[in-house]
Amino acid sequence: MIIFKDISNEKPYKKFVELYEKAEKMNEPCIDIICLSTFDSQNNQVNSRFLNLKYILKDQWTFFSNYNSIKAKEIEQHDNVSLCMYWSTLDSQLRLKGKISKSPKIVSDNHFRERDNKKNALSVSSEQSSKVDSYETVLKNYNEVLENYNFEERPKYWGGYSFIPFYFEFWEGHISRINKRVVFELKNETWIEYFLQP
Protein backbone atom coordinates (compact mmCIF):
# COMPACT_ATOMS: atom_id res chain seq x y z
CA MET A 1 0.00 0.00 0.00
CA ILE A 2 1.24 3.46 -0.93
CA ILE A 3 0.57 6.39 1.41
CA PHE A 4 -0.40 9.64 -0.33
CA LYS A 5 0.26 12.98 1.38
CA ASP A 6 -0.74 16.27 -0.29
CA ILE A 7 -0.31 14.62 -3.68
CA SER A 8 -0.03 16.93 -6.67
CA ASN A 9 -3.31 17.65 -8.47
CA GLU A 10 -1.60 17.86 -11.87
CA LYS A 11 -3.03 15.65 -14.59
CA PRO A 12 -0.55 12.72 -14.55
CA TYR A 13 -0.88 12.42 -10.77
CA LYS A 14 -4.68 12.47 -11.00
CA LYS A 15 -4.55 9.71 -13.61
CA PHE A 16 -2.21 7.67 -11.42
CA VAL A 17 -4.48 7.98 -8.36
CA GLU A 18 -7.52 6.93 -10.43
CA LEU A 19 -5.69 3.80 -11.63
CA TYR A 20 -4.34 3.09 -8.15
CA GLU A 21 -7.79 3.23 -6.60
CA LYS A 22 -9.14 0.95 -9.32
CA ALA A 23 -6.31 -1.56 -8.77
CA GLU A 24 -6.85 -1.40 -5.00
CA LYS A 25 -10.54 -2.31 -5.45
CA MET A 26 -9.46 -5.27 -7.56
CA ASN A 27 -7.05 -6.43 -4.80
CA GLU A 28 -3.93 -5.93 -6.88
CA PRO A 29 -1.23 -7.98 -5.04
CA CYS A 30 1.74 -5.88 -6.22
CA ILE A 31 0.20 -2.45 -5.85
CA ASP A 32 3.25 -0.86 -4.17
CA ILE A 33 5.99 -2.70 -6.09
CA ILE A 34 8.29 -0.66 -8.34
CA CYS A 35 11.22 -1.68 -10.51
CA LEU A 36 14.01 0.87 -10.12
CA SER A 37 16.72 1.13 -12.80
CA THR A 38 19.97 2.94 -12.06
CA PHE A 39 23.11 3.53 -14.10
CA ASP A 40 26.61 2.40 -13.10
CA SER A 41 28.68 4.99 -14.97
CA GLN A 42 32.00 3.42 -13.92
CA ASN A 43 31.20 0.11 -15.65
CA ASN A 44 28.73 1.49 -18.21
CA GLN A 45 25.98 -0.86 -16.98
CA VAL A 46 22.34 -0.57 -15.97
CA ASN A 47 20.96 -2.34 -12.89
CA SER A 48 17.31 -2.99 -12.03
CA ARG A 49 15.62 -4.28 -8.89
CA PHE A 50 12.17 -4.41 -7.30
CA LEU A 51 11.38 -2.22 -4.27
CA ASN A 52 8.43 -1.17 -2.15
CA LEU A 53 7.21 2.35 -2.85
CA LYS A 54 6.11 3.76 0.52
CA TYR A 55 4.90 7.32 -0.08
CA ILE A 56 4.01 9.88 -2.68
CA LEU A 57 4.56 13.21 -0.92
CA LYS A 58 3.28 15.97 -3.22
CA ASP A 59 5.34 15.13 -6.33
CA GLN A 60 7.99 12.98 -4.62
CA TRP A 61 7.89 9.16 -4.89
CA THR A 62 9.65 7.82 -1.80
CA PHE A 63 11.27 4.48 -0.98
CA PHE A 64 13.93 3.50 1.58
CA SER A 65 17.32 1.85 1.30
CA ASN A 66 20.83 1.50 2.66
CA TYR A 67 22.89 4.55 1.66
CA ASN A 68 25.97 2.33 1.21
CA SER A 69 24.28 -0.10 -1.19
CA ILE A 70 25.09 -0.57 -4.86
CA LYS A 71 21.97 1.37 -5.87
CA ALA A 72 23.00 4.23 -3.58
CA LYS A 73 26.46 4.42 -5.16
CA GLU A 74 24.93 4.42 -8.63
CA ILE A 75 22.47 7.16 -7.65
CA GLU A 76 25.44 9.26 -6.44
CA GLN A 77 27.09 8.78 -9.85
CA HIS A 78 23.98 9.47 -11.92
CA ASP A 79 20.82 11.05 -10.50
CA ASN A 80 18.57 10.25 -13.47
CA VAL A 81 16.70 6.98 -12.89
CA SER A 82 13.62 5.21 -14.19
CA LEU A 83 10.80 3.42 -12.38
CA CYS A 84 8.31 0.91 -13.72
CA MET A 85 5.12 -0.53 -12.19
CA TYR A 86 2.87 -3.28 -13.53
CA TRP A 87 -0.59 -4.15 -12.20
CA SER A 88 -1.78 -7.48 -13.58
CA THR A 89 -5.37 -6.94 -12.41
CA LEU A 90 -5.62 -3.99 -14.83
CA ASP A 91 -3.05 -5.19 -17.38
CA SER A 92 -1.59 -1.73 -16.89
CA GLN A 93 2.00 -0.49 -16.79
CA LEU A 94 3.44 2.82 -15.67
CA ARG A 95 6.87 4.01 -16.77
CA LEU A 96 8.50 6.99 -15.07
CA LYS A 97 11.70 8.94 -15.66
CA GLY A 98 13.03 11.52 -13.27
CA LYS A 99 15.65 12.83 -10.87
CA ILE A 100 16.39 11.28 -7.49
CA SER A 101 18.03 12.44 -4.27
CA LYS A 102 18.08 11.55 -0.58
CA SER A 103 14.85 12.37 1.23
CA PRO A 104 14.81 15.02 3.98
CA LYS A 105 16.06 13.57 7.28
CA ILE A 106 12.68 14.12 8.95
CA VAL A 107 11.01 11.84 6.38
CA SER A 108 13.53 9.07 7.06
CA ASP A 109 13.41 9.55 10.85
CA ASN A 110 9.61 9.46 10.97
CA HIS A 111 9.38 6.36 8.78
CA PHE A 112 11.99 4.52 10.86
CA ARG A 113 10.16 5.35 14.10
CA GLU A 114 6.81 4.18 12.72
CA ARG A 115 8.10 0.84 11.42
CA ASP A 116 8.09 -2.46 13.29
CA ASN A 117 11.43 -3.23 14.99
CA LYS A 118 11.66 -6.53 13.10
CA LYS A 119 11.88 -4.60 9.84
CA ASN A 120 14.22 -1.99 11.29
CA ALA A 121 16.54 -4.71 12.60
CA LEU A 122 17.32 -5.75 9.04
CA SER A 123 17.96 -2.13 8.04
CA VAL A 124 20.51 -1.88 10.86
CA SER A 125 22.14 -5.32 10.55
CA SER A 126 22.52 -5.63 6.79
CA GLU A 127 25.47 -4.24 4.87
CA GLN A 128 23.25 -4.33 1.81
CA SER A 129 24.74 -5.92 -1.34
CA SER A 130 28.05 -6.76 0.43
CA LYS A 131 29.39 -10.31 0.09
CA VAL A 132 28.79 -12.59 3.07
CA ASP A 133 30.09 -16.09 3.86
CA SER A 134 26.67 -17.65 4.47
CA TYR A 135 22.97 -16.97 5.01
CA GLU A 136 23.46 -18.13 8.61
CA THR A 137 25.69 -15.07 9.14
CA VAL A 138 22.88 -12.85 7.89
CA LEU A 139 20.48 -14.44 10.40
CA LYS A 140 23.01 -14.21 13.25
CA ASN A 141 23.65 -10.50 12.64
CA TYR A 142 19.92 -9.83 12.36
CA ASN A 143 19.05 -11.60 15.62
CA GLU A 144 21.85 -9.85 17.51
CA VAL A 145 20.59 -6.45 16.37
CA LEU A 146 16.97 -7.34 17.12
CA GLU A 147 17.90 -8.24 20.71
CA ASN A 148 20.37 -5.45 21.48
CA TYR A 149 19.79 -2.36 19.31
CA ASN A 150 18.13 0.82 20.57
CA PHE A 151 15.56 1.44 17.84
CA GLU A 152 14.89 5.02 18.92
CA GLU A 153 17.58 6.27 16.56
CA ARG A 154 17.76 5.69 12.81
CA PRO A 155 21.20 4.64 11.57
CA LYS A 156 22.76 7.34 9.39
CA TYR A 157 23.48 4.83 6.62
CA TRP A 158 19.79 4.09 6.04
CA GLY A 159 17.01 6.36 4.84
CA GLY A 160 14.71 7.52 2.09
CA TYR A 161 15.12 8.44 -1.54
CA SER A 162 12.78 10.90 -3.22
CA PHE A 163 12.17 10.60 -6.94
CA ILE A 164 10.54 13.47 -8.87
CA PRO A 165 9.23 12.39 -12.30
CA PHE A 166 9.47 14.48 -15.44
CA TYR A 167 8.00 11.71 -17.64
CA PHE A 168 4.95 9.45 -17.19
CA GLU A 169 3.87 6.77 -19.65
CA PHE A 170 0.59 5.00 -18.94
CA TRP A 171 0.38 1.74 -20.88
CA GLU A 172 -2.92 -0.15 -21.07
CA GLY A 173 -2.83 -3.67 -22.49
CA HIS A 174 -5.28 -4.86 -25.13
CA ILE A 175 -6.07 -8.44 -26.15
CA SER A 176 -5.36 -7.62 -29.81
CA ARG A 177 -2.04 -5.93 -28.90
CA ILE A 178 -3.46 -2.52 -29.90
CA ASN A 179 -2.12 -1.24 -26.59
CA LYS A 180 -2.88 2.29 -25.47
CA ARG A 181 0.13 4.45 -24.53
CA VAL A 182 -0.44 7.91 -23.09
CA VAL A 183 2.54 10.11 -22.16
CA PHE A 184 2.81 13.18 -19.94
CA GLU A 185 6.16 14.93 -20.27
CA LEU A 186 7.23 18.00 -18.30
CA LYS A 187 8.49 20.74 -20.61
CA ASN A 188 9.18 24.26 -19.28
CA GLU A 189 7.13 23.52 -16.15
CA THR A 190 4.11 22.41 -18.22
CA TRP A 191 2.89 18.82 -18.64
CA ILE A 192 2.60 18.00 -22.36
CA GLU A 193 0.24 15.12 -23.17
CA TYR A 194 0.62 12.91 -26.24
CA PHE A 195 0.15 9.32 -27.45
CA LEU A 196 2.64 6.70 -28.63
CA GLN A 197 2.01 3.92 -31.11
CA PRO A 198 1.78 0.39 -29.62
C-alpha atoms as a PDB file:
ATOM      1  CA  MET A   1       0.000   0.000   0.000  1.00  0.00           C
ATOM      2  CA  ILE A   2       1.244   3.458  -0.929  1.00  0.00           C
ATOM      3  CA  ILE A   3       0.571   6.390   1.407  1.00  0.00           C
ATOM      4  CA  PHE A   4      -0.401   9.641  -0.332  1.00  0.00           C
ATOM      5  CA  LYS A   5       0.259  12.979   1.380  1.00  0.00           C
ATOM      6  CA  ASP A   6      -0.742  16.266  -0.292  1.00  0.00           C
ATOM      7  CA  ILE A   7      -0.313  14.617  -3.678  1.00  0.00           C
ATOM      8  CA  SER A   8      -0.030  16.926  -6.669  1.00  0.00           C
ATOM      9  CA  ASN A   9      -3.306  17.647  -8.473  1.00  0.00           C
ATOM     10  CA  GLU A  10      -1.604  17.860 -11.867  1.00  0.00           C
ATOM     11  CA  LYS A  11      -3.029  15.651 -14.591  1.00  0.00           C
ATOM     12  CA  PRO A  12      -0.546  12.715 -14.551  1.00  0.00           C
ATOM     13  CA  TYR A  13      -0.879  12.419 -10.772  1.00  0.00           C
ATOM     14  CA  LYS A  14      -4.677  12.468 -10.998  1.00  0.00           C
ATOM     15  CA  LYS A  15      -4.553   9.707 -13.612  1.00  0.00           C
ATOM     16  CA  PHE A  16      -2.207   7.667 -11.420  1.00  0.00           C
ATOM     17  CA  VAL A  17      -4.484   7.984  -8.361  1.00  0.00           C
ATOM     18  CA  GLU A  18      -7.523   6.928 -10.427  1.00  0.00           C
ATOM     19  CA  LEU A  19      -5.690   3.804 -11.627  1.00  0.00           C
ATOM     20  CA  TYR A  20      -4.339   3.095  -8.153  1.00  0.00           C
ATOM     21  CA  GLU A  21      -7.795   3.226  -6.599  1.00  0.00           C
ATOM     22  CA  LYS A  22      -9.143   0.954  -9.323  1.00  0.00           C
ATOM     23  CA  ALA A  23      -6.306  -1.562  -8.770  1.00  0.00           C
ATOM     24  CA  GLU A  24      -6.851  -1.396  -5.003  1.00  0.00           C
ATOM     25  CA  LYS A  25     -10.539  -2.307  -5.447  1.00  0.00           C
ATOM     26  CA  MET A  26      -9.459  -5.272  -7.557  1.00  0.00           C
ATOM     27  CA  ASN A  27      -7.053  -6.426  -4.800  1.00  0.00           C
ATOM     28  CA  GLU A  28      -3.925  -5.928  -6.882  1.00  0.00           C
ATOM     29  CA  PRO A  29      -1.234  -7.985  -5.041  1.00  0.00           C
ATOM     30  CA  CYS A  30       1.738  -5.882  -6.220  1.00  0.00           C
ATOM     31  CA  ILE A  31       0.199  -2.450  -5.855  1.00  0.00           C
ATOM     32  CA  ASP A  32       3.248  -0.863  -4.173  1.00  0.00           C
ATOM     33  CA  ILE A  33       5.995  -2.696  -6.089  1.00  0.00           C
ATOM     34  CA  ILE A  34       8.286  -0.663  -8.342  1.00  0.00           C
ATOM     35  CA  CYS A  35      11.217  -1.675 -10.505  1.00  0.00           C
ATOM     36  CA  LEU A  36      14.011   0.867 -10.124  1.00  0.00           C
ATOM     37  CA  SER A  37      16.716   1.126 -12.803  1.00  0.00           C
ATOM     38  CA  THR A  38      19.973   2.942 -12.062  1.00  0.00           C
ATOM     39  CA  PHE A  39      23.113   3.527 -14.105  1.00  0.00           C
ATOM     40  CA  ASP A  40      26.607   2.402 -13.097  1.00  0.00           C
ATOM     41  CA  SER A  41      28.679   4.991 -14.971  1.00  0.00           C
ATOM     42  CA  GLN A  42      31.998   3.418 -13.925  1.00  0.00           C
ATOM     43  CA  ASN A  43      31.200   0.114 -15.649  1.00  0.00           C
ATOM     44  CA  ASN A  44      28.729   1.494 -18.211  1.00  0.00           C
ATOM     45  CA  GLN A  45      25.982  -0.862 -16.984  1.00  0.00           C
ATOM     46  CA  VAL A  46      22.337  -0.572 -15.968  1.00  0.00           C
ATOM     47  CA  ASN A  47      20.959  -2.338 -12.887  1.00  0.00           C
ATOM     48  CA  SER A  48      17.306  -2.985 -12.031  1.00  0.00           C
ATOM     49  CA  ARG A  49      15.622  -4.276  -8.891  1.00  0.00           C
ATOM     50  CA  PHE A  50      12.172  -4.410  -7.295  1.00  0.00           C
ATOM     51  CA  LEU A  51      11.379  -2.224  -4.273  1.00  0.00           C
ATOM     52  CA  ASN A  52       8.426  -1.174  -2.148  1.00  0.00           C
ATOM     53  CA  LEU A  53       7.214   2.353  -2.847  1.00  0.00           C
ATOM     54  CA  LYS A  54       6.110   3.757   0.515  1.00  0.00           C
ATOM     55  CA  TYR A  55       4.898   7.317  -0.076  1.00  0.00           C
ATOM     56  CA  ILE A  56       4.012   9.878  -2.680  1.00  0.00           C
ATOM     57  CA  LEU A  57       4.557  13.211  -0.918  1.00  0.00           C
ATOM     58  CA  LYS A  58       3.275  15.975  -3.223  1.00  0.00           C
ATOM     59  CA  ASP A  59       5.339  15.126  -6.332  1.00  0.00           C
ATOM     60  CA  GLN A  60       7.994  12.976  -4.617  1.00  0.00           C
ATOM     61  CA  TRP A  61       7.889   9.163  -4.892  1.00  0.00           C
ATOM     62  CA  THR A  62       9.650   7.818  -1.803  1.00  0.00           C
ATOM     63  CA  PHE A  63      11.269   4.480  -0.977  1.00  0.00           C
ATOM     64  CA  PHE A  64      13.927   3.504   1.577  1.00  0.00           C
ATOM     65  CA  SER A  65      17.315   1.848   1.302  1.00  0.00           C
ATOM     66  CA  ASN A  66      20.827   1.497   2.663  1.00  0.00           C
ATOM     67  CA  TYR A  67      22.891   4.547   1.659  1.00  0.00           C
ATOM     68  CA  ASN A  68      25.969   2.325   1.215  1.00  0.00           C
ATOM     69  CA  SER A  69      24.280  -0.102  -1.192  1.00  0.00           C
ATOM     70  CA  ILE A  70      25.088  -0.573  -4.865  1.00  0.00           C
ATOM     71  CA  LYS A  71      21.972   1.366  -5.868  1.00  0.00           C
ATOM     72  CA  ALA A  72      23.005   4.235  -3.584  1.00  0.00           C
ATOM     73  CA  LYS A  73      26.458   4.416  -5.158  1.00  0.00           C
ATOM     74  CA  GLU A  74      24.931   4.421  -8.628  1.00  0.00           C
ATOM     75  CA  ILE A  75      22.474   7.164  -7.649  1.00  0.00           C
ATOM     76  CA  GLU A  76      25.436   9.256  -6.443  1.00  0.00           C
ATOM     77  CA  GLN A  77      27.095   8.779  -9.846  1.00  0.00           C
ATOM     78  CA  HIS A  78      23.978   9.465 -11.916  1.00  0.00           C
ATOM     79  CA  ASP A  79      20.817  11.050 -10.496  1.00  0.00           C
ATOM     80  CA  ASN A  80      18.569  10.248 -13.472  1.00  0.00           C
ATOM     81  CA  VAL A  81      16.700   6.985 -12.890  1.00  0.00           C
ATOM     82  CA  SER A  82      13.620   5.214 -14.187  1.00  0.00           C
ATOM     83  CA  LEU A  83      10.797   3.416 -12.376  1.00  0.00           C
ATOM     84  CA  CYS A  84       8.309   0.909 -13.725  1.00  0.00           C
ATOM     85  CA  MET A  85       5.123  -0.530 -12.192  1.00  0.00           C
ATOM     86  CA  TYR A  86       2.874  -3.283 -13.535  1.00  0.00           C
ATOM     87  CA  TRP A  87      -0.587  -4.149 -12.205  1.00  0.00           C
ATOM     88  CA  SER A  88      -1.777  -7.479 -13.583  1.00  0.00           C
ATOM     89  CA  THR A  89      -5.368  -6.942 -12.415  1.00  0.00           C
ATOM     90  CA  LEU A  90      -5.619  -3.994 -14.834  1.00  0.00           C
ATOM     91  CA  ASP A  91      -3.049  -5.192 -17.381  1.00  0.00           C
ATOM     92  CA  SER A  92      -1.592  -1.733 -16.891  1.00  0.00           C
ATOM     93  CA  GLN A  93       1.996  -0.494 -16.793  1.00  0.00           C
ATOM     94  CA  LEU A  94       3.438   2.819 -15.666  1.00  0.00           C
ATOM     95  CA  ARG A  95       6.868   4.011 -16.773  1.00  0.00           C
ATOM     96  CA  LEU A  96       8.495   6.987 -15.072  1.00  0.00           C
ATOM     97  CA  LYS A  97      11.705   8.938 -15.658  1.00  0.00           C
ATOM     98  CA  GLY A  98      13.026  11.525 -13.268  1.00  0.00           C
ATOM     99  CA  LYS A  99      15.645  12.835 -10.867  1.00  0.00           C
ATOM    100  CA  ILE A 100      16.386  11.281  -7.493  1.00  0.00           C
ATOM    101  CA  SER A 101      18.026  12.443  -4.265  1.00  0.00           C
ATOM    102  CA  LYS A 102      18.084  11.548  -0.583  1.00  0.00           C
ATOM    103  CA  SER A 103      14.853  12.373   1.234  1.00  0.00           C
ATOM    104  CA  PRO A 104      14.815  15.025   3.982  1.00  0.00           C
ATOM    105  CA  LYS A 105      16.057  13.571   7.279  1.00  0.00           C
ATOM    106  CA  ILE A 106      12.683  14.120   8.951  1.00  0.00           C
ATOM    107  CA  VAL A 107      11.006  11.836   6.383  1.00  0.00           C
ATOM    108  CA  SER A 108      13.531   9.068   7.062  1.00  0.00           C
ATOM    109  CA  ASP A 109      13.407   9.551  10.850  1.00  0.00           C
ATOM    110  CA  ASN A 110       9.611   9.457  10.971  1.00  0.00           C
ATOM    111  CA  HIS A 111       9.379   6.363   8.778  1.00  0.00           C
ATOM    112  CA  PHE A 112      11.992   4.521  10.865  1.00  0.00           C
ATOM    113  CA  ARG A 113      10.163   5.352  14.103  1.00  0.00           C
ATOM    114  CA  GLU A 114       6.809   4.184  12.725  1.00  0.00           C
ATOM    115  CA  ARG A 115       8.097   0.836  11.423  1.00  0.00           C
ATOM    116  CA  ASP A 116       8.091  -2.460  13.286  1.00  0.00           C
ATOM    117  CA  ASN A 117      11.426  -3.227  14.987  1.00  0.00           C
ATOM    118  CA  LYS A 118      11.658  -6.534  13.100  1.00  0.00           C
ATOM    119  CA  LYS A 119      11.883  -4.597   9.837  1.00  0.00           C
ATOM    120  CA  ASN A 120      14.224  -1.993  11.287  1.00  0.00           C
ATOM    121  CA  ALA A 121      16.538  -4.711  12.601  1.00  0.00           C
ATOM    122  CA  LEU A 122      17.321  -5.753   9.037  1.00  0.00           C
ATOM    123  CA  SER A 123      17.955  -2.126   8.043  1.00  0.00           C
ATOM    124  CA  VAL A 124      20.507  -1.879  10.863  1.00  0.00           C
ATOM    125  CA  SER A 125      22.135  -5.320  10.551  1.00  0.00           C
ATOM    126  CA  SER A 126      22.515  -5.634   6.789  1.00  0.00           C
ATOM    127  CA  GLU A 127      25.470  -4.239   4.874  1.00  0.00           C
ATOM    128  CA  GLN A 128      23.249  -4.328   1.806  1.00  0.00           C
ATOM    129  CA  SER A 129      24.743  -5.918  -1.338  1.00  0.00           C
ATOM    130  CA  SER A 130      28.051  -6.761   0.426  1.00  0.00           C
ATOM    131  CA  LYS A 131      29.385 -10.307   0.091  1.00  0.00           C
ATOM    132  CA  VAL A 132      28.792 -12.594   3.070  1.00  0.00           C
ATOM    133  CA  ASP A 133      30.087 -16.089   3.860  1.00  0.00           C
ATOM    134  CA  SER A 134      26.668 -17.647   4.466  1.00  0.00           C
ATOM    135  CA  TYR A 135      22.972 -16.974   5.006  1.00  0.00           C
ATOM    136  CA  GLU A 136      23.463 -18.128   8.612  1.00  0.00           C
ATOM    137  CA  THR A 137      25.690 -15.070   9.142  1.00  0.00           C
ATOM    138  CA  VAL A 138      22.885 -12.852   7.893  1.00  0.00           C
ATOM    139  CA  LEU A 139      20.479 -14.435  10.401  1.00  0.00           C
ATOM    140  CA  LYS A 140      23.010 -14.210  13.251  1.00  0.00           C
ATOM    141  CA  ASN A 141      23.646 -10.499  12.639  1.00  0.00           C
ATOM    142  CA  TYR A 142      19.923  -9.830  12.356  1.00  0.00           C
ATOM    143  CA  ASN A 143      19.050 -11.598  15.623  1.00  0.00           C
ATOM    144  CA  GLU A 144      21.850  -9.852  17.514  1.00  0.00           C
ATOM    145  CA  VAL A 145      20.589  -6.452  16.370  1.00  0.00           C
ATOM    146  CA  LEU A 146      16.967  -7.335  17.122  1.00  0.00           C
ATOM    147  CA  GLU A 147      17.899  -8.242  20.712  1.00  0.00           C
ATOM    148  CA  ASN A 148      20.370  -5.454  21.478  1.00  0.00           C
ATOM    149  CA  TYR A 149      19.789  -2.357  19.307  1.00  0.00           C
ATOM    150  CA  ASN A 150      18.128   0.818  20.569  1.00  0.00           C
ATOM    151  CA  PHE A 151      15.559   1.438  17.842  1.00  0.00           C
ATOM    152  CA  GLU A 152      14.887   5.021  18.922  1.00  0.00           C
ATOM    153  CA  GLU A 153      17.583   6.266  16.559  1.00  0.00           C
ATOM    154  CA  ARG A 154      17.757   5.694  12.808  1.00  0.00           C
ATOM    155  CA  PRO A 155      21.198   4.643  11.566  1.00  0.00           C
ATOM    156  CA  LYS A 156      22.758   7.342   9.385  1.00  0.00           C
ATOM    157  CA  TYR A 157      23.477   4.829   6.618  1.00  0.00           C
ATOM    158  CA  TRP A 158      19.788   4.088   6.044  1.00  0.00           C
ATOM    159  CA  GLY A 159      17.012   6.364   4.844  1.00  0.00           C
ATOM    160  CA  GLY A 160      14.707   7.520   2.095  1.00  0.00           C
ATOM    161  CA  TYR A 161      15.123   8.438  -1.537  1.00  0.00           C
ATOM    162  CA  SER A 162      12.780  10.903  -3.219  1.00  0.00           C
ATOM    163  CA  PHE A 163      12.170  10.596  -6.942  1.00  0.00           C
ATOM    164  CA  ILE A 164      10.537  13.466  -8.869  1.00  0.00           C
ATOM    165  CA  PRO A 165       9.234  12.392 -12.299  1.00  0.00           C
ATOM    166  CA  PHE A 166       9.466  14.482 -15.442  1.00  0.00           C
ATOM    167  CA  TYR A 167       7.998  11.714 -17.638  1.00  0.00           C
ATOM    168  CA  PHE A 168       4.952   9.448 -17.192  1.00  0.00           C
ATOM    169  CA  GLU A 169       3.873   6.774 -19.654  1.00  0.00           C
ATOM    170  CA  PHE A 170       0.594   5.004 -18.937  1.00  0.00           C
ATOM    171  CA  TRP A 171       0.380   1.735 -20.878  1.00  0.00           C
ATOM    172  CA  GLU A 172      -2.916  -0.147 -21.069  1.00  0.00           C
ATOM    173  CA  GLY A 173      -2.834  -3.668 -22.487  1.00  0.00           C
ATOM    174  CA  HIS A 174      -5.284  -4.861 -25.135  1.00  0.00           C
ATOM    175  CA  ILE A 175      -6.068  -8.445 -26.145  1.00  0.00           C
ATOM    176  CA  SER A 176      -5.360  -7.616 -29.811  1.00  0.00           C
ATOM    177  CA  ARG A 177      -2.039  -5.927 -28.901  1.00  0.00           C
ATOM    178  CA  ILE A 178      -3.456  -2.524 -29.897  1.00  0.00           C
ATOM    179  CA  ASN A 179      -2.121  -1.235 -26.593  1.00  0.00           C
ATOM    180  CA  LYS A 180      -2.884   2.294 -25.467  1.00  0.00           C
ATOM    181  CA  ARG A 181       0.128   4.452 -24.527  1.00  0.00           C
ATOM    182  CA  VAL A 182      -0.440   7.911 -23.086  1.00  0.00           C
ATOM    183  CA  VAL A 183       2.538  10.112 -22.157  1.00  0.00           C
ATOM    184  CA  PHE A 184       2.806  13.175 -19.936  1.00  0.00           C
ATOM    185  CA  GLU A 185       6.156  14.932 -20.267  1.00  0.00           C
ATOM    186  CA  LEU A 186       7.235  18.001 -18.304  1.00  0.00           C
ATOM    187  CA  LYS A 187       8.491  20.745 -20.608  1.00  0.00           C
ATOM    188  CA  ASN A 188       9.180  24.262 -19.279  1.00  0.00           C
ATOM    189  CA  GLU A 189       7.131  23.518 -16.152  1.00  0.00           C
ATOM    190  CA  THR A 190       4.108  22.412 -18.216  1.00  0.00           C
ATOM    191  CA  TRP A 191       2.888  18.824 -18.637  1.00  0.00           C
ATOM    192  CA  ILE A 192       2.599  18.004 -22.357  1.00  0.00           C
ATOM    193  CA  GLU A 193       0.238  15.122 -23.170  1.00  0.00           C
ATOM    194  CA  TYR A 194       0.622  12.906 -26.245  1.00  0.00           C
ATOM    195  CA  PHE A 195       0.146   9.320 -27.448  1.00  0.00           C
ATOM    196  CA  LEU A 196       2.643   6.698 -28.631  1.00  0.00           C
ATOM    197  CA  GLN A 197       2.009   3.916 -31.108  1.00  0.00           C
ATOM    198  CA  PRO A 198       1.784   0.386 -29.625  1.00  0.00           C
END
